Amino acid sequence: MEGVLGGRIALEEAFEAHPQFPDHPTIFFYDFVRNSHNQLKAVEPAKFHACDKISRDAEQEIIGRNGFVSMLTGHTSGKPAMLTGADPSSPVDFGKDVKANSKIMALHVE
């Protein structure tokens, strides 16, 4: 799980380095990323590797959240901006770092 935590930290740092952070409403997705990170840190590796149902369910939730973030940050139509009340005709460009790190997290399954 250390690799996942490292990737999660890289994604948070990419959001924080974004020129519109924290001003653009769609950057709120950062909170979603940070909450996913906290959920991941709460999973005890020993229980996870022992196939504890609660730990495995938490892992599935985090995998789903990673995919959702990747979809939202890679979407260019402006529709994800509507989730935050932002103007869909002026979508935020998350940039290559956020997009790349969110894609990595969506593909990363341990």
PDB file of N, CA and C in Angstrom:
ATOM      1  N   MET A   1       0.804  -1.198   0.000  1.00  0.00           N
ATOM      2  CA  MET A   1       0.000   0.000   0.000  1.00  0.00           C
ATOM      3  C   MET A   1       0.850   1.267   0.000  1.00  0.00           C
ATOM      4  N   GLU A   2       2.135   1.138   0.271  1.00  0.00           N
ATOM      5  CA  GLU A   2       2.994   2.312   0.300  1.00  0.00           C
ATOM      6  C   GLU A   2       3.049   2.982  -1.066  1.00  0.00           C
ATOM      7  N   GLY A   3       3.037   2.180  -2.144  1.00  0.00           N
ATOM      8  CA  GLY A   3       3.050   2.753  -3.483  1.00  0.00           C
ATOM      9  C   GLY A   3       1.803   3.560  -3.750  1.00  0.00           C
ATOM     10  N   VAL A   4       0.673   3.084  -3.265  1.00  0.00           N
ATOM     11  CA  VAL A   4      -0.583   3.807  -3.441  1.00  0.00           C
ATOM     12  C   VAL A   4      -0.533   5.120  -2.662  1.00  0.00           C
ATOM     13  N   LEU A   5      -0.042   5.078  -1.447  1.00  0.00           N
ATOM     14  CA  LEU A   5       0.052   6.308  -0.650  1.00  0.00           C
ATOM     15  C   LEU A   5       0.964   7.322  -1.322  1.00  0.00           C
ATOM     16  N   GLY A   6       2.082   6.862  -1.865  1.00  0.00           N
ATOM     17  CA  GLY A   6       2.996   7.765  -2.563  1.00  0.00           C
ATOM     18  C   GLY A   6       2.344   8.390  -3.777  1.00  0.00           C
ATOM     19  N   GLY A   7       1.593   7.595  -4.520  1.00  0.00           N
ATOM     20  CA  GLY A   7       0.880   8.117  -5.683  1.00  0.00           C
ATOM     21  C   GLY A   7      -0.196   9.103  -5.293  1.00  0.00           C
ATOM     22  N   ARG A   8      -0.851   8.806  -4.202  1.00  0.00           N
ATOM     23  CA  ARG A   8      -1.904   9.695  -3.705  1.00  0.00           C
ATOM     24  C   ARG A   8      -1.303  11.041  -3.296  1.00  0.00           C
ATOM     25  N   ILE A   9      -0.149  11.007  -2.642  1.00  0.00           N
ATOM     26  CA  ILE A   9       0.523  12.244  -2.232  1.00  0.00           C
ATOM     27  C   ILE A   9       0.931  13.043  -3.474  1.00  0.00           C
ATOM     28  N   ALA A  10       1.442  12.363  -4.504  1.00  0.00           N
ATOM     29  CA  ALA A  10       1.829  13.041  -5.748  1.00  0.00           C
ATOM     30  C   ALA A  10       0.619  13.720  -6.387  1.00  0.00           C
ATOM     31  N   LEU A  11      -0.526  13.074  -6.337  1.00  0.00           N
ATOM     32  CA  LEU A  11      -1.741  13.661  -6.904  1.00  0.00           C
ATOM     33  C   LEU A  11      -2.164  14.888  -6.098  1.00  0.00           C
ATOM     34  N   GLU A  12      -2.112  14.810  -4.789  1.00  0.00           N
ATOM     35  CA  GLU A  12      -2.455  15.964  -3.959  1.00  0.00           C
ATOM     36  C   GLU A  12      -1.511  17.127  -4.247  1.00  0.00           C
ATOM     37  N   GLU A  13      -0.227  16.837  -4.367  1.00  0.00           N
ATOM     38  CA  GLU A  13       0.754  17.894  -4.655  1.00  0.00           C
ATOM     39  C   GLU A  13       0.523  18.512  -6.033  1.00  0.00           C
ATOM     40  N   ALA A  14       0.103  17.704  -7.001  1.00  0.00           N
ATOM     41  CA  ALA A  14      -0.190  18.231  -8.336  1.00  0.00           C
ATOM     42  C   ALA A  14      -1.376  19.190  -8.278  1.00  0.00           C
ATOM     43  N   PHE A  15      -2.406  18.835  -7.499  1.00  0.00           N
ATOM     44  CA  PHE A  15      -3.538  19.743  -7.319  1.00  0.00           C
ATOM     45  C   PHE A  15      -3.074  21.042  -6.667  1.00  0.00           C
ATOM     46  N   GLU A  16      -2.281  20.938  -5.609  1.00  0.00           N
ATOM     47  CA  GLU A  16      -1.822  22.117  -4.875  1.00  0.00           C
ATOM     48  C   GLU A  16      -0.954  23.038  -5.747  1.00  0.00           C
ATOM     49  N   ALA A  17      -0.251  22.467  -6.714  1.00  0.00           N
ATOM     50  CA  ALA A  17       0.622  23.250  -7.588  1.00  0.00           C
ATOM     51  C   ALA A  17      -0.137  23.881  -8.764  1.00  0.00           C
ATOM     52  N   HIS A  18      -1.385  23.494  -8.949  1.00  0.00           N
ATOM     53  CA  HIS A  18      -2.176  24.010 -10.071  1.00  0.00           C
ATOM     54  C   HIS A  18      -2.343  25.523  -9.921  1.00  0.00           C
ATOM     55  N   PRO A  19      -2.175  26.284 -11.008  1.00  0.00           N
ATOM     56  CA  PRO A  19      -2.247  27.746 -10.913  1.00  0.00           C
ATOM     57  C   PRO A  19      -3.605  28.286 -10.436  1.00  0.00           C
ATOM     58  N   GLN A  20      -4.679  27.519 -10.598  1.00  0.00           N
ATOM     59  CA  GLN A  20      -5.994  27.987 -10.155  1.00  0.00           C
ATOM     60  C   GLN A  20      -6.385  27.430  -8.787  1.00  0.00           C
ATOM     61  N   PHE A  21      -5.465  26.760  -8.119  1.00  0.00           N
ATOM     62  CA  PHE A  21      -5.744  26.219  -6.790  1.00  0.00           C
ATOM     63  C   PHE A  21      -5.618  27.353  -5.784  1.00  0.00           C
ATOM     64  N   PRO A  22      -6.509  27.537  -4.896  1.00  0.00           N
ATOM     65  CA  PRO A  22      -7.810  26.904  -4.697  1.00  0.00           C
ATOM     66  C   PRO A  22      -8.968  27.732  -5.237  1.00  0.00           C
ATOM     67  N   ASP A  23      -8.713  28.657  -6.165  1.00  0.00           N
ATOM     68  CA  ASP A  23      -9.723  29.639  -6.572  1.00  0.00           C
ATOM     69  C   ASP A  23     -10.860  29.104  -7.435  1.00  0.00           C
ATOM     70  N   HIS A  24     -10.565  28.235  -8.378  1.00  0.00           N
ATOM     71  CA  HIS A  24     -11.608  27.733  -9.277  1.00  0.00           C
ATOM     72  C   HIS A  24     -12.456  26.702  -8.527  1.00  0.00           C
ATOM     73  N   PRO A  25     -13.796  26.824  -8.587  1.00  0.00           N
ATOM     74  CA  PRO A  25     -14.652  25.901  -7.823  1.00  0.00           C
ATOM     75  C   PRO A  25     -14.419  24.431  -8.140  1.00  0.00           C
ATOM     76  N   THR A  26     -14.062  24.107  -9.375  1.00  0.00           N
ATOM     77  CA  THR A  26     -13.877  22.705  -9.747  1.00  0.00           C
ATOM     78  C   THR A  26     -12.651  22.104  -9.076  1.00  0.00           C
ATOM     79  N   ILE A  27     -11.744  22.937  -8.614  1.00  0.00           N
ATOM     80  CA  ILE A  27     -10.575  22.429  -7.903  1.00  0.00           C
ATOM     81  C   ILE A  27     -11.007  21.781  -6.585  1.00  0.00           C
ATOM     82  N   PHE A  28     -12.297  21.945  -6.235  1.00  0.00           N
ATOM     83  CA  PHE A  28     -12.837  21.268  -5.056  1.00  0.00           C
ATOM     84  C   PHE A  28     -12.591  19.760  -5.123  1.00  0.00           C
ATOM     85  N   PHE A  29     -12.388  19.239  -6.323  1.00  0.00           N
ATOM     86  CA  PHE A  29     -12.100  17.807  -6.444  1.00  0.00           C
ATOM     87  C   PHE A  29     -10.897  17.425  -5.592  1.00  0.00           C
ATOM     88  N   TYR A  30     -10.065  18.412  -5.293  1.00  0.00           N
ATOM     89  CA  TYR A  30      -8.924  18.191  -4.395  1.00  0.00           C
ATOM     90  C   TYR A  30      -9.396  17.638  -3.052  1.00  0.00           C
ATOM     91  N   ASP A  31     -10.499  18.171  -2.535  1.00  0.00           N
ATOM     92  CA  ASP A  31     -11.027  17.662  -1.261  1.00  0.00           C
ATOM     93  C   ASP A  31     -11.419  16.198  -1.388  1.00  0.00           C
ATOM     94  N   PHE A  32     -11.993  15.849  -2.521  1.00  0.00           N
ATOM     95  CA  PHE A  32     -12.376  14.463  -2.776  1.00  0.00           C
ATOM     96  C   PHE A  32     -11.129  13.572  -2.769  1.00  0.00           C
ATOM     97  N   VAL A  33     -10.060  14.057  -3.402  1.00  0.00           N
ATOM     98  CA  VAL A  33      -8.791  13.322  -3.446  1.00  0.00           C
ATOM     99  C   VAL A  33      -8.216  13.174  -2.035  1.00  0.00           C
ATOM    100  N   ARG A  34      -8.220  14.271  -1.287  1.00  0.00           N
ATOM    101  CA  ARG A  34      -7.669  14.237   0.070  1.00  0.00           C
ATOM    102  C   ARG A  34      -8.476  13.297   0.973  1.00  0.00           C
ATOM    103  N   ASN A  35      -9.803  13.302   0.826  1.00  0.00           N
ATOM    104  CA  ASN A  35     -10.631  12.391   1.619  1.00  0.00           C
ATOM    105  C   ASN A  35     -10.374  10.932   1.238  1.00  0.00           C
ATOM    106  N   SER A  36     -10.144  10.682  -0.048  1.00  0.00           N
ATOM    107  CA  SER A  36      -9.801   9.323  -0.480  1.00  0.00           C
ATOM    108  C   SER A  36      -8.481   8.885   0.140  1.00  0.00           C
ATOM    109  N   HIS A  37      -7.536   9.813   0.201  1.00  0.00           N
ATOM    110  CA  HIS A  37      -6.231   9.531   0.803  1.00  0.00           C
ATOM    111  C   HIS A  37      -6.412   9.157   2.273  1.00  0.00           C
ATOM    112  N   ASN A  38      -7.239   9.912   2.972  1.00  0.00           N
ATOM    113  CA  ASN A  38      -7.480   9.607   4.388  1.00  0.00           C
ATOM    114  C   ASN A  38      -8.149   8.248   4.567  1.00  0.00           C
ATOM    115  N   GLN A  39      -9.057   7.904   3.665  1.00  0.00           N
ATOM    116  CA  GLN A  39      -9.680   6.581   3.720  1.00  0.00           C
ATOM    117  C   GLN A  39      -8.635   5.489   3.510  1.00  0.00           C
ATOM    118  N   LEU A  40      -7.741   5.726   2.582  1.00  0.00           N
ATOM    119  CA  LEU A  40      -6.689   4.750   2.294  1.00  0.00           C
ATOM    120  C   LEU A  40      -5.774   4.563   3.496  1.00  0.00           C
ATOM    121  N   LYS A  41      -5.394   5.664   4.132  1.00  0.00           N
ATOM    122  CA  LYS A  41      -4.516   5.573   5.302  1.00  0.00           C
ATOM    123  C   LYS A  41      -5.180   4.821   6.456  1.00  0.00           C
ATOM    124  N   ALA A  42      -6.517   4.816   6.487  1.00  0.00           N
ATOM    125  CA  ALA A  42      -7.237   4.146   7.564  1.00  0.00           C
ATOM    126  C   ALA A  42      -7.281   2.621   7.390  1.00  0.00           C
ATOM    127  N   VAL A  43      -6.985   2.142   6.194  1.00  0.00           N
ATOM    128  CA  VAL A  43      -6.985   0.693   5.952  1.00  0.00           C
ATOM    129  C   VAL A  43      -5.719   0.095   6.566  1.00  0.00           C
ATOM    130  N   GLU A  44      -5.898  -0.850   7.455  1.00  0.00           N
ATOM    131  CA  GLU A  44      -4.755  -1.501   8.090  1.00  0.00           C
ATOM    132  C   GLU A  44      -4.210  -2.586   7.161  1.00  0.00           C
ATOM    133  N   PRO A  45      -2.938  -2.474   6.754  1.00  0.00           N
ATOM    134  CA  PRO A  45      -2.369  -3.436   5.811  1.00  0.00           C
ATOM    135  C   PRO A  45      -2.501  -4.890   6.256  1.00  0.00           C
ATOM    136  N   ALA A  46      -2.296  -5.160   7.532  1.00  0.00           N
ATOM    137  CA  ALA A  46      -2.391  -6.552   8.014  1.00  0.00           C
ATOM    138  C   ALA A  46      -3.795  -7.100   7.808  1.00  0.00           C
ATOM    139  N   LYS A  47      -4.786  -6.293   8.098  1.00  0.00           N
ATOM    140  CA  LYS A  47      -6.179  -6.746   7.910  1.00  0.00           C
ATOM    141  C   LYS A  47      -6.497  -6.891   6.422  1.00  0.00           C
ATOM    142  N   PHE A  48      -5.988  -5.961   5.633  1.00  0.00           N
ATOM    143  CA  PHE A  48      -6.220  -6.026   4.194  1.00  0.00           C
ATOM    144  C   PHE A  48      -5.651  -7.322   3.622  1.00  0.00           C
ATOM    145  N   HIS A  49      -4.392  -7.627   3.990  1.00  0.00           N
ATOM    146  CA  HIS A  49      -3.743  -8.834   3.475  1.00  0.00           C
ATOM    147  C   HIS A  49      -4.342 -10.115   4.043  1.00  0.00           C
ATOM    148  N   ALA A  50      -5.050  -9.994   5.167  1.00  0.00           N
ATOM    149  CA  ALA A  50      -5.742 -11.144   5.749  1.00  0.00           C
ATOM    150  C   ALA A  50      -7.156 -11.280   5.174  1.00  0.00           C
ATOM    151  N   CYS A  51      -7.455 -10.482   4.145  1.00  0.00           N
ATOM    152  CA  CYS A  51      -8.748 -10.513   3.451  1.00  0.00           C
ATOM    153  C   CYS A  51      -9.923 -10.111   4.341  1.00  0.00           C
ATOM    154  N   ASP A  52      -9.672  -9.217   5.284  1.00  0.00           N
ATOM    155  CA  ASP A  52     -10.730  -8.669   6.124  1.00  0.00           C
ATOM    156  C   ASP A  52     -11.760  -7.976   5.230  1.00  0.00           C
ATOM    157  N   LYS A  53     -13.038  -8.325   5.395  1.00  0.00           N
ATOM    158  CA  LYS A  53     -14.090  -7.802   4.522  1.00  0.00           C
ATOM    159  C   LYS A  53     -14.178  -6.279   4.570  1.00  0.00           C
ATOM    160  N   ILE A  54     -14.103  -5.699   5.742  1.00  0.00           N
ATOM    161  CA  ILE A  54     -14.200  -4.240   5.856  1.00  0.00           C
ATOM    162  C   ILE A  54     -13.038  -3.570   5.116  1.00  0.00           C
ATOM    163  N   SER A  55     -11.844  -4.119   5.262  1.00  0.00           N
ATOM    164  CA  SER A  55     -10.674  -3.565   4.573  1.00  0.00           C
ATOM    165  C   SER A  55     -10.804  -3.715   3.063  1.00  0.00           C
ATOM    166  N   ARG A  56     -11.275  -4.861   2.613  1.00  0.00           N
ATOM    167  CA  ARG A  56     -11.447  -5.093   1.175  1.00  0.00           C
ATOM    168  C   ARG A  56     -12.539  -4.192   0.599  1.00  0.00           C
ATOM    169  N   ASP A  57     -13.618  -3.995   1.374  1.00  0.00           N
ATOM    170  CA  ASP A  57     -14.674  -3.083   0.923  1.00  0.00           C
ATOM    171  C   ASP A  57     -14.143  -1.657   0.819  1.00  0.00           C
ATOM    172  N   ALA A  58     -13.319  -1.250   1.782  1.00  0.00           N
ATOM    173  CA  ALA A  58     -12.722   0.084   1.750  1.00  0.00           C
ATOM    174  C   ALA A  58     -11.829   0.227   0.518  1.00  0.00           C
ATOM    175  N   GLU A  59     -11.086  -0.823   0.205  1.00  0.00           N
ATOM    176  CA  GLU A  59     -10.227  -0.796  -0.980  1.00  0.00           C
ATOM    177  C   GLU A  59     -11.065  -0.593  -2.242  1.00  0.00           C
ATOM    178  N   GLN A  60     -12.181  -1.295  -2.350  1.00  0.00           N
ATOM    179  CA  GLN A  60     -13.041  -1.164  -3.523  1.00  0.00           C
ATOM    180  C   GLN A  60     -13.616   0.250  -3.626  1.00  0.00           C
ATOM    181  N   GLU A  61     -13.968   0.835  -2.498  1.00  0.00           N
ATOM    182  CA  GLU A  61     -14.463   2.210  -2.474  1.00  0.00           C
ATOM    183  C   GLU A  61     -13.382   3.166  -2.984  1.00  0.00           C
ATOM    184  N   ILE A  62     -12.167   2.978  -2.530  1.00  0.00           N
ATOM    185  CA  ILE A  62     -11.054   3.848  -2.926  1.00  0.00           C
ATOM    186  C   ILE A  62     -10.749   3.682  -4.413  1.00  0.00           C
ATOM    187  N   ILE A  63     -10.782   2.457  -4.910  1.00  0.00           N
ATOM    188  CA  ILE A  63     -10.560   2.219  -6.339  1.00  0.00           C
ATOM    189  C   ILE A  63     -11.622   2.949  -7.161  1.00  0.00           C
ATOM    190  N   GLY A  64     -12.871   2.872  -6.715  1.00  0.00           N
ATOM    191  CA  GLY A  64     -13.947   3.583  -7.409  1.00  0.00           C
ATOM    192  C   GLY A  64     -13.746   5.090  -7.385  1.00  0.00           C
ATOM    193  N   ARG A  65     -13.327   5.602  -6.231  1.00  0.00           N
ATOM    194  CA  ARG A  65     -13.084   7.037  -6.098  1.00  0.00           C
ATOM    195  C   ARG A  65     -11.932   7.465  -7.011  1.00  0.00           C
ATOM    196  N   ASN A  66     -10.895   6.633  -7.106  1.00  0.00           N
ATOM    197  CA  ASN A  66      -9.763   6.952  -7.985  1.00  0.00           C
ATOM    198  C   ASN A  66     -10.221   7.055  -9.434  1.00  0.00           C
ATOM    199  N   GLY A  67     -11.059   6.112  -9.851  1.00  0.00           N
ATOM    200  CA  GLY A  67     -11.576   6.135 -11.219  1.00  0.00           C
ATOM    201  C   GLY A  67     -12.432   7.366 -11.483  1.00  0.00           C
ATOM    202  N   PHE A  68     -13.229   7.742 -10.492  1.00  0.00           N
ATOM    203  CA  PHE A  68     -14.087   8.915 -10.618  1.00  0.00           C
ATOM    204  C   PHE A  68     -13.248  10.184 -10.771  1.00  0.00           C
ATOM    205  N   VAL A  69     -12.205  10.322  -9.972  1.00  0.00           N
ATOM    206  CA  VAL A  69     -11.319  11.492 -10.075  1.00  0.00           C
ATOM    207  C   VAL A  69     -10.647  11.524 -11.444  1.00  0.00           C
ATOM    208  N   SER A  70     -10.196  10.376 -11.915  1.00  0.00           N
ATOM    209  CA  SER A  70      -9.554  10.325 -13.229  1.00  0.00           C
ATOM    210  C   SER A  70     -10.525  10.757 -14.323  1.00  0.00           C
ATOM    211  N   MET A  71     -11.764  10.292 -14.235  1.00  0.00           N
ATOM    212  CA  MET A  71     -12.773  10.662 -15.222  1.00  0.00           C
ATOM    213  C   MET A  71     -13.051  12.163 -15.157  1.00  0.00           C
ATOM    214  N   LEU A  72     -13.197  12.708 -13.964  1.00  0.00           N
ATOM    215  CA  LEU A  72     -13.514  14.127 -13.817  1.00  0.00           C
ATOM    216  C   LEU A  72     -12.384  15.033 -14.295  1.00  0.00           C
ATOM    217  N   THR A  73     -11.154  14.681 -13.964  1.00  0.00           N
ATOM    218  CA  THR A  73     -10.030  15.541 -14.339  1.00  0.00           C
ATOM    219  C   THR A  73      -9.672  15.416 -15.813  1.00  0.00           C
ATOM    220  N   GLY A  74     -10.034  14.317 -16.445  1.00  0.00           N
ATOM    221  CA  GLY A  74      -9.746  14.120 -17.859  1.00  0.00           C
ATOM    222  C   GLY A  74     -10.842  14.596 -18.780  1.00  0.00           C
ATOM    223  N   HIS A  75     -11.982  14.956 -18.231  1.00  0.00           N
ATOM    224  CA  HIS A  75     -13.143  15.368 -19.012  1.00  0.00           C
ATOM    225  C   HIS A  75     -12.961  16.811 -19.452  1.00  0.00           C
ATOM    226  N   THR A  76     -13.215  17.096 -20.721  1.00  0.00           N
ATOM    227  CA  THR A  76     -12.974  18.452 -21.236  1.00  0.00           C
ATOM    228  C   THR A  76     -14.237  19.200 -21.655  1.00  0.00           C
ATOM    229  N   SER A  77     -15.411  18.610 -21.459  1.00  0.00           N
ATOM    230  CA  SER A  77     -16.643  19.260 -21.913  1.00  0.00           C
ATOM    231  C   SER A  77     -17.118  20.381 -20.997  1.00  0.00           C
ATOM    232  N   GLY A  78     -16.627  20.404 -19.762  1.00  0.00           N
ATOM    233  CA  GLY A  78     -17.100  21.390 -18.800  1.00  0.00           C
ATOM    234  C   GLY A  78     -18.215  20.863 -17.924  1.00  0.00           C
ATOM    235  N   LYS A  79     -18.761  19.701 -18.265  1.00  0.00           N
ATOM    236  CA  LYS A  79     -19.860  19.153 -17.469  1.00  0.00           C
ATOM    237  C   LYS A  79     -19.463  18.853 -16.017  1.00  0.00           C
ATOM    238  N   PRO A  80     -18.235  18.381 -15.756  1.00  0.00           N
ATOM    239  CA  PRO A  80     -17.870  18.186 -14.346  1.00  0.00           C
ATOM    240  C   PRO A  80     -17.917  19.484 -13.533  1.00  0.00           C
ATOM    241  N   ALA A  81     -17.726  20.621 -14.192  1.00  0.00           N
ATOM    242  CA  ALA A  81     -17.801  21.903 -13.494  1.00  0.00           C
ATOM    243  C   ALA A  81     -19.192  22.132 -12.921  1.00  0.00           C
ATOM    244  N   MET A  82     -20.199  21.565 -13.569  1.00  0.00           N
ATOM    245  CA  MET A  82     -21.572  21.718 -13.090  1.00  0.00           C
ATOM    246  C   MET A  82     -21.754  21.067 -11.728  1.00  0.00           C
ATOM    247  N   LEU A  83     -20.941  20.081 -11.395  1.00  0.00           N
ATOM    248  CA  LEU A  83     -21.023  19.444 -10.075  1.00  0.00           C
ATOM    249  C   LEU A  83     -20.670  20.412  -8.960  1.00  0.00           C
ATOM    250  N   THR A  84     -19.919  21.439  -9.293  1.00  0.00           N
ATOM    251  CA  THR A  84     -19.454  22.381  -8.284  1.00  0.00           C
ATOM    252  C   THR A  84     -20.101  23.751  -8.417  1.00  0.00           C
ATOM    253  N   GLY A  85     -21.020  23.894  -9.340  1.00  0.00           N
ATOM    254  CA  GLY A  85     -21.668  25.179  -9.544  1.00  0.00           C
ATOM    255  C   GLY A  85     -20.856  26.133 -10.396  1.00  0.00           C
ATOM    256  N   ALA A  86     -19.773  25.639 -10.980  1.00  0.00           N
ATOM    257  CA  ALA A  86     -18.938  26.484 -11.842  1.00  0.00           C
ATOM    258  C   ALA A  86     -19.573  26.586 -13.225  1.00  0.00           C
ATOM    259  N   ASP A  87     -19.119  27.527 -13.993  1.00  0.00           N
ATOM    260  CA  ASP A  87     -19.620  27.760 -15.341  1.00  0.00           C
ATOM    261  C   ASP A  87     -19.085  26.677 -16.279  1.00  0.00           C
ATOM    262  N   PRO A  88     -19.968  25.829 -16.832  1.00  0.00           N
ATOM    263  CA  PRO A  88     -19.497  24.759 -17.712  1.00  0.00           C
ATOM    264  C   PRO A  88     -18.889  25.268 -19.011  1.00  0.00           C
ATOM    265  N   SER A  89     -19.137  26.523 -19.360  1.00  0.00           N
ATOM    266  CA  SER A  89     -18.537  27.057 -20.581  1.00  0.00           C
ATOM    267  C   SER A  89     -17.101  27.527 -20.334  1.00  0.00           C
ATOM    268  N   SER A  90     -16.680  27.487 -19.077  1.00  0.00           N
ATOM    269  CA  SER A  90     -15.314  27.888 -18.730  1.00  0.00           C
ATOM    270  C   SER A  90     -14.682  26.817 -17.840  1.00  0.00           C
ATOM    271  N   PRO A  91     -14.493  25.607 -18.402  1.00  0.00           N
ATOM    272  CA  PRO A  91     -13.959  24.524 -17.577  1.00  0.00           C
ATOM    273  C   PRO A  91     -12.495  24.757 -17.206  1.00  0.00           C
ATOM    274  N   VAL A  92     -12.110  24.217 -16.075  1.00  0.00           N
ATOM    275  CA  VAL A  92     -10.717  24.303 -15.656  1.00  0.00           C
ATOM    276  C   VAL A  92      -9.920  23.250 -16.415  1.00  0.00           C
ATOM    277  N   ASP A  93      -8.732  23.613 -16.847  1.00  0.00           N
ATOM    278  CA  ASP A  93      -7.813  22.645 -17.423  1.00  0.00           C
ATOM    279  C   ASP A  93      -6.939  22.170 -16.267  1.00  0.00           C
ATOM    280  N   PHE A  94      -7.092  20.930 -15.882  1.00  0.00           N
ATOM    281  CA  PHE A  94      -6.357  20.422 -14.733  1.00  0.00           C
ATOM    282  C   PHE A  94      -4.864  20.281 -14.996  1.00  0.00           C
ATOM    283  N   GLY A  95      -4.472  20.309 -16.235  1.00  0.00           N
ATOM    284  CA  GLY A  95      -3.059  20.232 -16.565  1.00  0.00           C
ATOM    285  C   GLY A  95      -2.541  18.810 -16.585  1.00  0.00           C
ATOM    286  N   LYS A  96      -1.355  18.657 -17.160  1.00  0.00           N
ATOM    287  CA  LYS A  96      -0.797  17.319 -17.369  1.00  0.00           C
ATOM    288  C   LYS A  96      -0.462  16.610 -16.068  1.00  0.00           C
ATOM    289  N   ASP A  97      -0.008  17.323 -15.031  1.00  0.00           N
ATOM    290  CA  ASP A  97       0.385  16.656 -13.785  1.00  0.00           C
ATOM    291  C   ASP A  97      -0.811  16.049 -13.058  1.00  0.00           C
ATOM    292  N   VAL A  98      -1.885  16.820 -12.915  1.00  0.00           N
ATOM    293  CA  VAL A  98      -3.086  16.299 -12.248  1.00  0.00           C
ATOM    294  C   VAL A  98      -3.662  15.146 -13.056  1.00  0.00           C
ATOM    295  N   LYS A  99      -3.768  15.332 -14.379  1.00  0.00           N
ATOM    296  CA  LYS A  99      -4.339  14.279 -15.225  1.00  0.00           C
ATOM    297  C   LYS A  99      -3.508  13.009 -15.172  1.00  0.00           C
ATOM    298  N   ALA A 100      -2.196  13.145 -15.278  1.00  0.00           N
ATOM    299  CA  ALA A 100      -1.321  11.968 -15.270  1.00  0.00           C
ATOM    300  C   ALA A 100      -1.383  11.243 -13.920  1.00  0.00           C
ATOM    301  N   ASN A 101      -1.316  11.994 -12.830  1.00  0.00           N
ATOM    302  CA  ASN A 101      -1.347  11.355 -11.511  1.00  0.00           C
ATOM    303  C   ASN A 101      -2.700  10.746 -11.193  1.00  0.00           C
ATOM    304  N   SER A 102      -3.782  11.376 -11.637  1.00  0.00           N
ATOM    305  CA  SER A 102      -5.092  10.774 -11.384  1.00  0.00           C
ATOM    306  C   SER A 102      -5.285   9.520 -12.224  1.00  0.00           C
ATOM    307  N   LYS A 103      -4.736   9.509 -13.434  1.00  0.00           N
ATOM    308  CA  LYS A 103      -4.822   8.304 -14.279  1.00  0.00           C
ATOM    309  C   LYS A 103      -4.030   7.160 -13.663  1.00  0.00           C
ATOM    310  N   ILE A 104      -2.846   7.474 -13.134  1.00  0.00           N
ATOM    311  CA  ILE A 104      -2.031   6.459 -12.471  1.00  0.00           C
ATOM    312  C   ILE A 104      -2.794   5.855 -11.291  1.00  0.00           C
ATOM    313  N   MET A 105      -3.441   6.711 -10.506  1.00  0.00           N
ATOM    314  CA  MET A 105      -4.160   6.228  -9.339  1.00  0.00           C
ATOM    315  C   MET A 105      -5.359   5.368  -9.758  1.00  0.00           C
ATOM    316  N   ALA A 106      -5.998   5.714 -10.870  1.00  0.00           N
ATOM    317  CA  ALA A 106      -7.143   4.936 -11.337  1.00  0.00           C
ATOM    318  C   ALA A 106      -6.711   3.555 -11.821  1.00  0.00           C
ATOM    319  N   LEU A 107      -5.505   3.459 -12.337  1.00  0.00           N
ATOM    320  CA  LEU A 107      -5.006   2.184 -12.857  1.00  0.00           C
ATOM    321  C   LEU A 107      -4.327   1.353 -11.781  1.00  0.00           C
ATOM    322  N   HIS A 108      -3.983   1.987 -10.662  1.00  0.00           N
ATOM    323  CA  HIS A 108      -3.205   1.315  -9.638  1.00  0.00           C
ATOM    324  C   HIS A 108      -4.082   0.458  -8.732  1.00  0.00           C
ATOM    325  N   VAL A 109      -3.911  -0.827  -8.852  1.00  0.00           N
ATOM    326  CA  VAL A 109      -4.628  -1.770  -7.995  1.00  0.00           C
ATOM    327  C   VAL A 109      -3.594  -2.696  -7.415  1.00  0.00           C
ATOM    328  N   GLU A 110      -3.555  -2.745  -6.100  1.00  0.00           N
ATOM    329  CA  GLU A 110      -2.579  -3.620  -5.445  1.00  0.00           C
ATOM    330  C   GLU A 110      -3.223  -4.909  -5.017  1.00  0.00           C
TER     331      GLU A 110
END
